[in-house]
């Protein structure tokens, strides 16, 4: 069973919103969102909850995009209108 995202987590919302603006290269996501704190698992939470996906594309490498569930999460949190 996929865990439910914590809608009160502003970092999770910010990560998904940032990725929603355009597909991102995996290395760019890691550079922008890496942390040395084991309690900040924003990237892992977003993947585990199914809010973002990682797809390998020949020539460009791993690309991170927001899933339908991620767009619904953003809409539910008021981050943007899914319309």
PDB file of N, CA and C in Angstrom:
ATOM      1  N   UNK A   1       0.840  -1.178   0.000  1.00  0.00           N
ATOM      2  CA  UNK A   1       0.000   0.000   0.000  1.00  0.00           C
ATOM      3  C   UNK A   1       0.889   1.247   0.000  1.00  0.00           C
ATOM      4  N   UNK A   2       0.570   2.192  -0.859  1.00  0.00           N
ATOM      5  CA  UNK A   2       1.312   3.441  -0.958  1.00  0.00           C
ATOM      6  C   UNK A   2       0.946   4.351   0.208  1.00  0.00           C
ATOM      7  N   UNK A   3       1.955   4.913   0.891  1.00  0.00           N
ATOM      8  CA  UNK A   3       1.638   5.819   2.001  1.00  0.00           C
ATOM      9  C   UNK A   3       0.963   7.089   1.493  1.00  0.00           C
ATOM     10  N   UNK A   4       0.167   7.702   2.356  1.00  0.00           N
ATOM     11  CA  UNK A   4      -0.479   8.967   2.012  1.00  0.00           C
ATOM     12  C   UNK A   4       0.468  10.116   2.298  1.00  0.00           C
ATOM     13  N   UNK A   5       0.524  11.091   1.399  1.00  0.00           N
ATOM     14  CA  UNK A   5       1.394  12.241   1.649  1.00  0.00           C
ATOM     15  C   UNK A   5       0.856  13.093   2.780  1.00  0.00           C
ATOM     16  N   UNK A   6       1.751  13.694   3.517  1.00  0.00           N
ATOM     17  CA  UNK A   6       1.378  14.610   4.589  1.00  0.00           C
ATOM     18  C   UNK A   6       1.108  15.974   3.965  1.00  0.00           C
ATOM     19  N   UNK A   7      -0.155  16.327   3.845  1.00  0.00           N
ATOM     20  CA  UNK A   7      -0.533  17.579   3.183  1.00  0.00           C
ATOM     21  C   UNK A   7      -0.086  18.815   3.945  1.00  0.00           C
ATOM     22  N   UNK A   8       0.300  18.636   5.208  1.00  0.00           N
ATOM     23  CA  UNK A   8       0.763  19.767   6.010  1.00  0.00           C
ATOM     24  C   UNK A   8       2.269  19.999   5.859  1.00  0.00           C
ATOM     25  N   UNK A   9       2.952  19.141   5.098  1.00  0.00           N
ATOM     26  CA  UNK A   9       4.404  19.251   4.962  1.00  0.00           C
ATOM     27  C   UNK A   9       4.753  20.243   3.847  1.00  0.00           C
ATOM     28  N   UNK A  10       5.178  21.455   4.208  1.00  0.00           N
ATOM     29  CA  UNK A  10       5.453  22.459   3.179  1.00  0.00           C
ATOM     30  C   UNK A  10       6.638  22.090   2.286  1.00  0.00           C
ATOM     31  N   UNK A  11       7.618  21.372   2.792  1.00  0.00           N
ATOM     32  CA  UNK A  11       8.752  20.974   1.942  1.00  0.00           C
ATOM     33  C   UNK A  11       8.317  19.978   0.874  1.00  0.00           C
ATOM     34  N   UNK A  12       7.458  19.039   1.233  1.00  0.00           N
ATOM     35  CA  UNK A  12       6.953  18.077   0.254  1.00  0.00           C
ATOM     36  C   UNK A  12       6.167  18.808  -0.826  1.00  0.00           C
ATOM     37  N   UNK A  13       5.298  19.720  -0.404  1.00  0.00           N
ATOM     38  CA  UNK A  13       4.526  20.513  -1.374  1.00  0.00           C
ATOM     39  C   UNK A  13       5.458  21.326  -2.269  1.00  0.00           C
ATOM     40  N   UNK A  14       6.481  21.953  -1.688  1.00  0.00           N
ATOM     41  CA  UNK A  14       7.409  22.776  -2.469  1.00  0.00           C
ATOM     42  C   UNK A  14       8.180  21.948  -3.492  1.00  0.00           C
ATOM     43  N   UNK A  15       8.617  20.754  -3.092  1.00  0.00           N
ATOM     44  CA  UNK A  15       9.342  19.887  -4.033  1.00  0.00           C
ATOM     45  C   UNK A  15       8.449  19.508  -5.208  1.00  0.00           C
ATOM     46  N   UNK A  16       7.245  19.047  -4.916  1.00  0.00           N
ATOM     47  CA  UNK A  16       6.336  18.615  -5.986  1.00  0.00           C
ATOM     48  C   UNK A  16       5.954  19.798  -6.873  1.00  0.00           C
ATOM     49  N   UNK A  17       5.719  20.950  -6.281  1.00  0.00           N
ATOM     50  CA  UNK A  17       5.391  22.145  -7.054  1.00  0.00           C
ATOM     51  C   UNK A  17       6.555  22.539  -7.959  1.00  0.00           C
ATOM     52  N   UNK A  18       7.769  22.493  -7.447  1.00  0.00           N
ATOM     53  CA  UNK A  18       8.964  22.836  -8.232  1.00  0.00           C
ATOM     54  C   UNK A  18       9.108  21.904  -9.429  1.00  0.00           C
ATOM     55  N   UNK A  19       8.895  20.629  -9.222  1.00  0.00           N
ATOM     56  CA  UNK A  19       8.994  19.655 -10.326  1.00  0.00           C
ATOM     57  C   UNK A  19       7.837  19.838 -11.303  1.00  0.00           C
ATOM     58  N   UNK A  20       6.675  20.265 -10.807  1.00  0.00           N
ATOM     59  CA  UNK A  20       5.507  20.410 -11.679  1.00  0.00           C
ATOM     60  C   UNK A  20       5.697  21.506 -12.723  1.00  0.00           C
ATOM     61  N   UNK A  21       6.576  22.445 -12.456  1.00  0.00           N
ATOM     62  CA  UNK A  21       6.784  23.560 -13.386  1.00  0.00           C
ATOM     63  C   UNK A  21       7.445  23.118 -14.681  1.00  0.00           C
ATOM     64  N   UNK A  22       8.258  22.077 -14.604  1.00  0.00           N
ATOM     65  CA  UNK A  22       8.880  21.474 -15.786  1.00  0.00           C
ATOM     66  C   UNK A  22       9.552  20.188 -15.365  1.00  0.00           C
ATOM     67  N   UNK A  23       9.620  19.208 -16.263  1.00  0.00           N
ATOM     68  CA  UNK A  23      10.351  17.984 -15.925  1.00  0.00           C
ATOM     69  C   UNK A  23      11.797  18.344 -15.564  1.00  0.00           C
ATOM     70  N   UNK A  24      12.326  17.659 -14.579  1.00  0.00           N
ATOM     71  CA  UNK A  24      13.677  17.962 -14.089  1.00  0.00           C
ATOM     72  C   UNK A  24      14.578  16.756 -14.267  1.00  0.00           C
ATOM     73  N   UNK A  25      15.852  17.021 -14.525  1.00  0.00           N
ATOM     74  CA  UNK A  25      16.836  15.940 -14.530  1.00  0.00           C
ATOM     75  C   UNK A  25      17.047  15.478 -13.090  1.00  0.00           C
ATOM     76  N   UNK A  26      17.240  14.191 -12.922  1.00  0.00           N
ATOM     77  CA  UNK A  26      17.445  13.629 -11.587  1.00  0.00           C
ATOM     78  C   UNK A  26      18.587  14.334 -10.861  1.00  0.00           C
ATOM     79  N   UNK A  27      19.690  14.555 -11.554  1.00  0.00           N
ATOM     80  CA  UNK A  27      20.849  15.190 -10.898  1.00  0.00           C
ATOM     81  C   UNK A  27      20.507  16.606 -10.428  1.00  0.00           C
ATOM     82  N   UNK A  28      19.652  17.321 -11.160  1.00  0.00           N
ATOM     83  CA  UNK A  28      19.234  18.661 -10.736  1.00  0.00           C
ATOM     84  C   UNK A  28      18.362  18.600  -9.481  1.00  0.00           C
ATOM     85  N   UNK A  29      17.483  17.597  -9.427  1.00  0.00           N
ATOM     86  CA  UNK A  29      16.640  17.422  -8.246  1.00  0.00           C
ATOM     87  C   UNK A  29      17.515  17.112  -7.035  1.00  0.00           C
ATOM     88  N   UNK A  30      18.470  16.220  -7.218  1.00  0.00           N
ATOM     89  CA  UNK A  30      19.345  15.855  -6.106  1.00  0.00           C
ATOM     90  C   UNK A  30      20.205  17.040  -5.662  1.00  0.00           C
ATOM     91  N   UNK A  31      20.685  17.825  -6.600  1.00  0.00           N
ATOM     92  CA  UNK A  31      21.489  18.998  -6.248  1.00  0.00           C
ATOM     93  C   UNK A  31      20.660  20.021  -5.469  1.00  0.00           C
ATOM     94  N   UNK A  32      19.427  20.222  -5.898  1.00  0.00           N
ATOM     95  CA  UNK A  32      18.587  21.237  -5.270  1.00  0.00           C
ATOM     96  C   UNK A  32      17.967  20.769  -3.954  1.00  0.00           C
ATOM     97  N   UNK A  33      17.735  19.471  -3.813  1.00  0.00           N
ATOM     98  CA  UNK A  33      16.964  18.984  -2.668  1.00  0.00           C
ATOM     99  C   UNK A  33      17.734  18.021  -1.778  1.00  0.00           C
ATOM    100  N   UNK A  34      19.045  17.922  -1.957  1.00  0.00           N
ATOM    101  CA  UNK A  34      19.805  17.002  -1.107  1.00  0.00           C
ATOM    102  C   UNK A  34      19.892  17.565   0.308  1.00  0.00           C
ATOM    103  N   UNK A  35      20.046  16.664   1.256  1.00  0.00           N
ATOM    104  CA  UNK A  35      20.170  17.073   2.652  1.00  0.00           C
ATOM    105  C   UNK A  35      21.046  16.057   3.369  1.00  0.00           C
ATOM    106  N   UNK A  36      21.715  16.506   4.366  1.00  0.00           N
ATOM    107  CA  UNK A  36      22.520  15.590   5.171  1.00  0.00           C
ATOM    108  C   UNK A  36      21.762  15.158   6.426  1.00  0.00           C
ATOM    109  N   UNK A  37      20.544  15.630   6.566  1.00  0.00           N
ATOM    110  CA  UNK A  37      19.742  15.302   7.743  1.00  0.00           C
ATOM    111  C   UNK A  37      18.893  14.061   7.453  1.00  0.00           C
ATOM    112  N   UNK A  38      19.108  12.982   8.191  1.00  0.00           N
ATOM    113  CA  UNK A  38      18.333  11.754   7.930  1.00  0.00           C
ATOM    114  C   UNK A  38      16.844  11.898   8.241  1.00  0.00           C
ATOM    115  N   UNK A  39      16.468  12.959   8.936  1.00  0.00           N
ATOM    116  CA  UNK A  39      15.052  13.159   9.246  1.00  0.00           C
ATOM    117  C   UNK A  39      14.311  13.891   8.133  1.00  0.00           C
ATOM    118  N   UNK A  40      15.032  14.478   7.205  1.00  0.00           N
ATOM    119  CA  UNK A  40      14.401  15.152   6.071  1.00  0.00           C
ATOM    120  C   UNK A  40      14.446  14.216   4.870  1.00  0.00           C
ATOM    121  N   UNK A  41      13.380  13.521   4.663  1.00  0.00           N
ATOM    122  CA  UNK A  41      13.319  12.517   3.598  1.00  0.00           C
ATOM    123  C   UNK A  41      12.355  12.955   2.503  1.00  0.00           C
ATOM    124  N   UNK A  42      12.431  14.211   2.131  1.00  0.00           N
ATOM    125  CA  UNK A  42      11.464  14.780   1.184  1.00  0.00           C
ATOM    126  C   UNK A  42      11.439  14.011  -0.136  1.00  0.00           C
ATOM    127  N   UNK A  43      12.603  13.765  -0.726  1.00  0.00           N
ATOM    128  CA  UNK A  43      12.679  13.044  -2.001  1.00  0.00           C
ATOM    129  C   UNK A  43      12.072  11.654  -1.857  1.00  0.00           C
ATOM    130  N   UNK A  44      12.477  10.921  -0.835  1.00  0.00           N
ATOM    131  CA  UNK A  44      11.967   9.570  -0.630  1.00  0.00           C
ATOM    132  C   UNK A  44      10.467   9.580  -0.372  1.00  0.00           C
ATOM    133  N   UNK A  45       9.997  10.561   0.395  1.00  0.00           N
ATOM    134  CA  UNK A  45       8.565  10.666   0.664  1.00  0.00           C
ATOM    135  C   UNK A  45       7.778  10.905  -0.617  1.00  0.00           C
ATOM    136  N   UNK A  46       8.284  11.782  -1.473  1.00  0.00           N
ATOM    137  CA  UNK A  46       7.593  12.089  -2.732  1.00  0.00           C
ATOM    138  C   UNK A  46       7.511  10.857  -3.629  1.00  0.00           C
ATOM    139  N   UNK A  47       8.602  10.080  -3.692  1.00  0.00           N
ATOM    140  CA  UNK A  47       8.612   8.850  -4.493  1.00  0.00           C
ATOM    141  C   UNK A  47       7.688   7.805  -3.868  1.00  0.00           C
ATOM    142  N   UNK A  48       7.851   7.572  -2.553  1.00  0.00           N
ATOM    143  CA  UNK A  48       7.060   6.547  -1.869  1.00  0.00           C
ATOM    144  C   UNK A  48       5.563   6.816  -1.945  1.00  0.00           C
ATOM    145  N   UNK A  49       5.175   8.075  -1.911  1.00  0.00           N
ATOM    146  CA  UNK A  49       3.754   8.443  -1.968  1.00  0.00           C
ATOM    147  C   UNK A  49       3.225   8.471  -3.403  1.00  0.00           C
ATOM    148  N   UNK A  50       4.098   8.290  -4.377  1.00  0.00           N
ATOM    149  CA  UNK A  50       3.658   8.288  -5.768  1.00  0.00           C
ATOM    150  C   UNK A  50       3.375   9.668  -6.324  1.00  0.00           C
ATOM    151  N   UNK A  51       3.980  10.697  -5.738  1.00  0.00           N
ATOM    152  CA  UNK A  51       3.737  12.069  -6.190  1.00  0.00           C
ATOM    153  C   UNK A  51       4.605  12.449  -7.374  1.00  0.00           C
ATOM    154  N   UNK A  52       5.765  11.834  -7.488  1.00  0.00           N
ATOM    155  CA  UNK A  52       6.673  12.066  -8.607  1.00  0.00           C
ATOM    156  C   UNK A  52       7.166  10.721  -9.119  1.00  0.00           C
ATOM    157  N   UNK A  53       7.616  10.722 -10.355  1.00  0.00           N
ATOM    158  CA  UNK A  53       8.160   9.494 -10.920  1.00  0.00           C
ATOM    159  C   UNK A  53       9.489   9.792 -11.604  1.00  0.00           C
ATOM    160  N   UNK A  54      10.291   8.762 -11.691  1.00  0.00           N
ATOM    161  CA  UNK A  54      11.621   8.836 -12.297  1.00  0.00           C
ATOM    162  C   UNK A  54      11.631   7.905 -13.507  1.00  0.00           C
ATOM    163  N   UNK A  55      11.907   8.480 -14.684  1.00  0.00           N
ATOM    164  CA  UNK A  55      11.889   7.711 -15.927  1.00  0.00           C
ATOM    165  C   UNK A  55      13.199   7.928 -16.667  1.00  0.00           C
ATOM    166  N   UNK A  56      13.807   6.838 -17.120  1.00  0.00           N
ATOM    167  CA  UNK A  56      15.038   6.952 -17.897  1.00  0.00           C
ATOM    168  C   UNK A  56      14.688   7.217 -19.347  1.00  0.00           C
ATOM    169  N   UNK A  57      15.348   8.216 -19.921  1.00  0.00           N
ATOM    170  CA  UNK A  57      15.175   8.562 -21.324  1.00  0.00           C
ATOM    171  C   UNK A  57      16.541   8.534 -21.992  1.00  0.00           C
ATOM    172  N   UNK A  58      16.672   7.768 -23.058  1.00  0.00           N
ATOM    173  CA  UNK A  58      17.937   7.690 -23.772  1.00  0.00           C
ATOM    174  C   UNK A  58      18.332   9.070 -24.260  1.00  0.00           C
ATOM    175  N   UNK A  59      19.571   9.435 -24.003  1.00  0.00           N
ATOM    176  CA  UNK A  59      20.081  10.729 -24.443  1.00  0.00           C
ATOM    177  C   UNK A  59      19.992  11.816 -23.393  1.00  0.00           C
ATOM    178  N   UNK A  60      19.002  11.717 -22.493  1.00  0.00           N
ATOM    179  CA  UNK A  60      18.868  12.742 -21.463  1.00  0.00           C
ATOM    180  C   UNK A  60      19.035  12.193 -20.054  1.00  0.00           C
ATOM    181  N   UNK A  61      18.948  10.898 -19.887  1.00  0.00           N
ATOM    182  CA  UNK A  61      19.100  10.303 -18.560  1.00  0.00           C
ATOM    183  C   UNK A  61      17.784  10.247 -17.814  1.00  0.00           C
ATOM    184  N   UNK A  62      17.879  10.212 -16.488  1.00  0.00           N
ATOM    185  CA  UNK A  62      16.686  10.113 -15.650  1.00  0.00           C
ATOM    186  C   UNK A  62      15.977  11.460 -15.562  1.00  0.00           C
ATOM    187  N   UNK A  63      14.686  11.431 -15.855  1.00  0.00           N
ATOM    188  CA  UNK A  63      13.851  12.626 -15.812  1.00  0.00           C
ATOM    189  C   UNK A  63      12.800  12.428 -14.719  1.00  0.00           C
ATOM    190  N   UNK A  64      12.598  13.463 -13.922  1.00  0.00           N
ATOM    191  CA  UNK A  64      11.623  13.431 -12.835  1.00  0.00           C
ATOM    192  C   UNK A  64      10.414  14.264 -13.240  1.00  0.00           C
ATOM    193  N   UNK A  65       9.234  13.678 -13.114  1.00  0.00           N
ATOM    194  CA  UNK A  65       7.991  14.372 -13.438  1.00  0.00           C
ATOM    195  C   UNK A  65       6.981  14.158 -12.319  1.00  0.00           C
ATOM    196  N   UNK A  66       5.973  14.999 -12.295  1.00  0.00           N
ATOM    197  CA  UNK A  66       4.891  14.879 -11.323  1.00  0.00           C
ATOM    198  C   UNK A  66       3.842  13.929 -11.887  1.00  0.00           C
ATOM    199  N   UNK A  67       3.349  13.055 -11.048  1.00  0.00           N
ATOM    200  CA  UNK A  67       2.318  12.094 -11.449  1.00  0.00           C
ATOM    201  C   UNK A  67       0.928  12.732 -11.312  1.00  0.00           C
ATOM    202  N   UNK A  68      -0.069  12.017 -11.766  1.00  0.00           N
ATOM    203  CA  UNK A  68      -1.452  12.484 -11.576  1.00  0.00           C
ATOM    204  C   UNK A  68      -1.746  12.641 -10.087  1.00  0.00           C
ATOM    205  N   UNK A  69      -1.254  11.708  -9.281  1.00  0.00           N
ATOM    206  CA  UNK A  69      -1.448  11.798  -7.831  1.00  0.00           C
ATOM    207  C   UNK A  69      -0.744  13.042  -7.273  1.00  0.00           C
ATOM    208  N   UNK A  70       0.412  13.367  -7.829  1.00  0.00           N
ATOM    209  CA  UNK A  70       1.126  14.569  -7.403  1.00  0.00           C
ATOM    210  C   UNK A  70       0.373  15.838  -7.750  1.00  0.00           C
ATOM    211  N   UNK A  71      -0.225  15.874  -8.947  1.00  0.00           N
ATOM    212  CA  UNK A  71      -1.029  17.040  -9.327  1.00  0.00           C
ATOM    213  C   UNK A  71      -2.259  17.170  -8.431  1.00  0.00           C
ATOM    214  N   UNK A  72      -2.882  16.041  -8.087  1.00  0.00           N
ATOM    215  CA  UNK A  72      -4.038  16.074  -7.184  1.00  0.00           C
ATOM    216  C   UNK A  72      -3.594  16.550  -5.795  1.00  0.00           C
ATOM    217  N   UNK A  73      -2.427  16.111  -5.348  1.00  0.00           N
ATOM    218  CA  UNK A  73      -1.876  16.554  -4.064  1.00  0.00           C
ATOM    219  C   UNK A  73      -1.696  18.069  -4.053  1.00  0.00           C
ATOM    220  N   UNK A  74      -1.136  18.608  -5.122  1.00  0.00           N
ATOM    221  CA  UNK A  74      -0.939  20.053  -5.197  1.00  0.00           C
ATOM    222  C   UNK A  74      -2.272  20.784  -5.196  1.00  0.00           C
ATOM    223  N   UNK A  75      -3.223  20.263  -5.917  1.00  0.00           N
ATOM    224  CA  UNK A  75      -4.539  20.889  -5.959  1.00  0.00           C
ATOM    225  C   UNK A  75      -5.200  20.840  -4.579  1.00  0.00           C
ATOM    226  N   UNK A  76      -5.087  19.700  -3.909  1.00  0.00           N
ATOM    227  CA  UNK A  76      -5.666  19.546  -2.562  1.00  0.00           C
ATOM    228  C   UNK A  76      -5.035  20.466  -1.546  1.00  0.00           C
ATOM    229  N   UNK A  77      -3.751  20.781  -1.724  1.00  0.00           N
ATOM    230  CA  UNK A  77      -3.059  21.647  -0.768  1.00  0.00           C
ATOM    231  C   UNK A  77      -3.187  23.112  -1.143  1.00  0.00           C
ATOM    232  N   UNK A  78      -3.837  23.399  -2.276  1.00  0.00           N
ATOM    233  CA  UNK A  78      -4.020  24.782  -2.706  1.00  0.00           C
ATOM    234  C   UNK A  78      -2.800  25.359  -3.392  1.00  0.00           C
ATOM    235  N   UNK A  79      -1.824  24.504  -3.729  1.00  0.00           N
ATOM    236  CA  UNK A  79      -0.597  24.986  -4.367  1.00  0.00           C
ATOM    237  C   UNK A  79      -0.871  25.484  -5.777  1.00  0.00           C
ATOM    238  N   UNK A  80      -1.792  24.868  -6.468  1.00  0.00           N
ATOM    239  CA  UNK A  80      -2.233  25.376  -7.764  1.00  0.00           C
ATOM    240  C   UNK A  80      -3.535  24.694  -8.137  1.00  0.00           C
ATOM    241  N   UNK A  81      -4.219  25.260  -9.060  1.00  0.00           N
ATOM    242  CA  UNK A  81      -5.453  24.677  -9.545  1.00  0.00           C
ATOM    243  C   UNK A  81      -5.133  23.697 -10.651  1.00  0.00           C
ATOM    244  N   UNK A  82      -5.663  22.501 -10.557  1.00  0.00           N
ATOM    245  CA  UNK A  82      -5.412  21.464 -11.561  1.00  0.00           C
ATOM    246  C   UNK A  82      -6.214  21.697 -12.839  1.00  0.00           C
ATOM    247  N   UNK A  83      -6.973  22.755 -12.901  1.00  0.00           N
ATOM    248  CA  UNK A  83      -7.834  23.034 -14.059  1.00  0.00           C
ATOM    249  C   UNK A  83      -7.074  23.405 -15.269  1.00  0.00           C
TER     250      UNK A  83
END
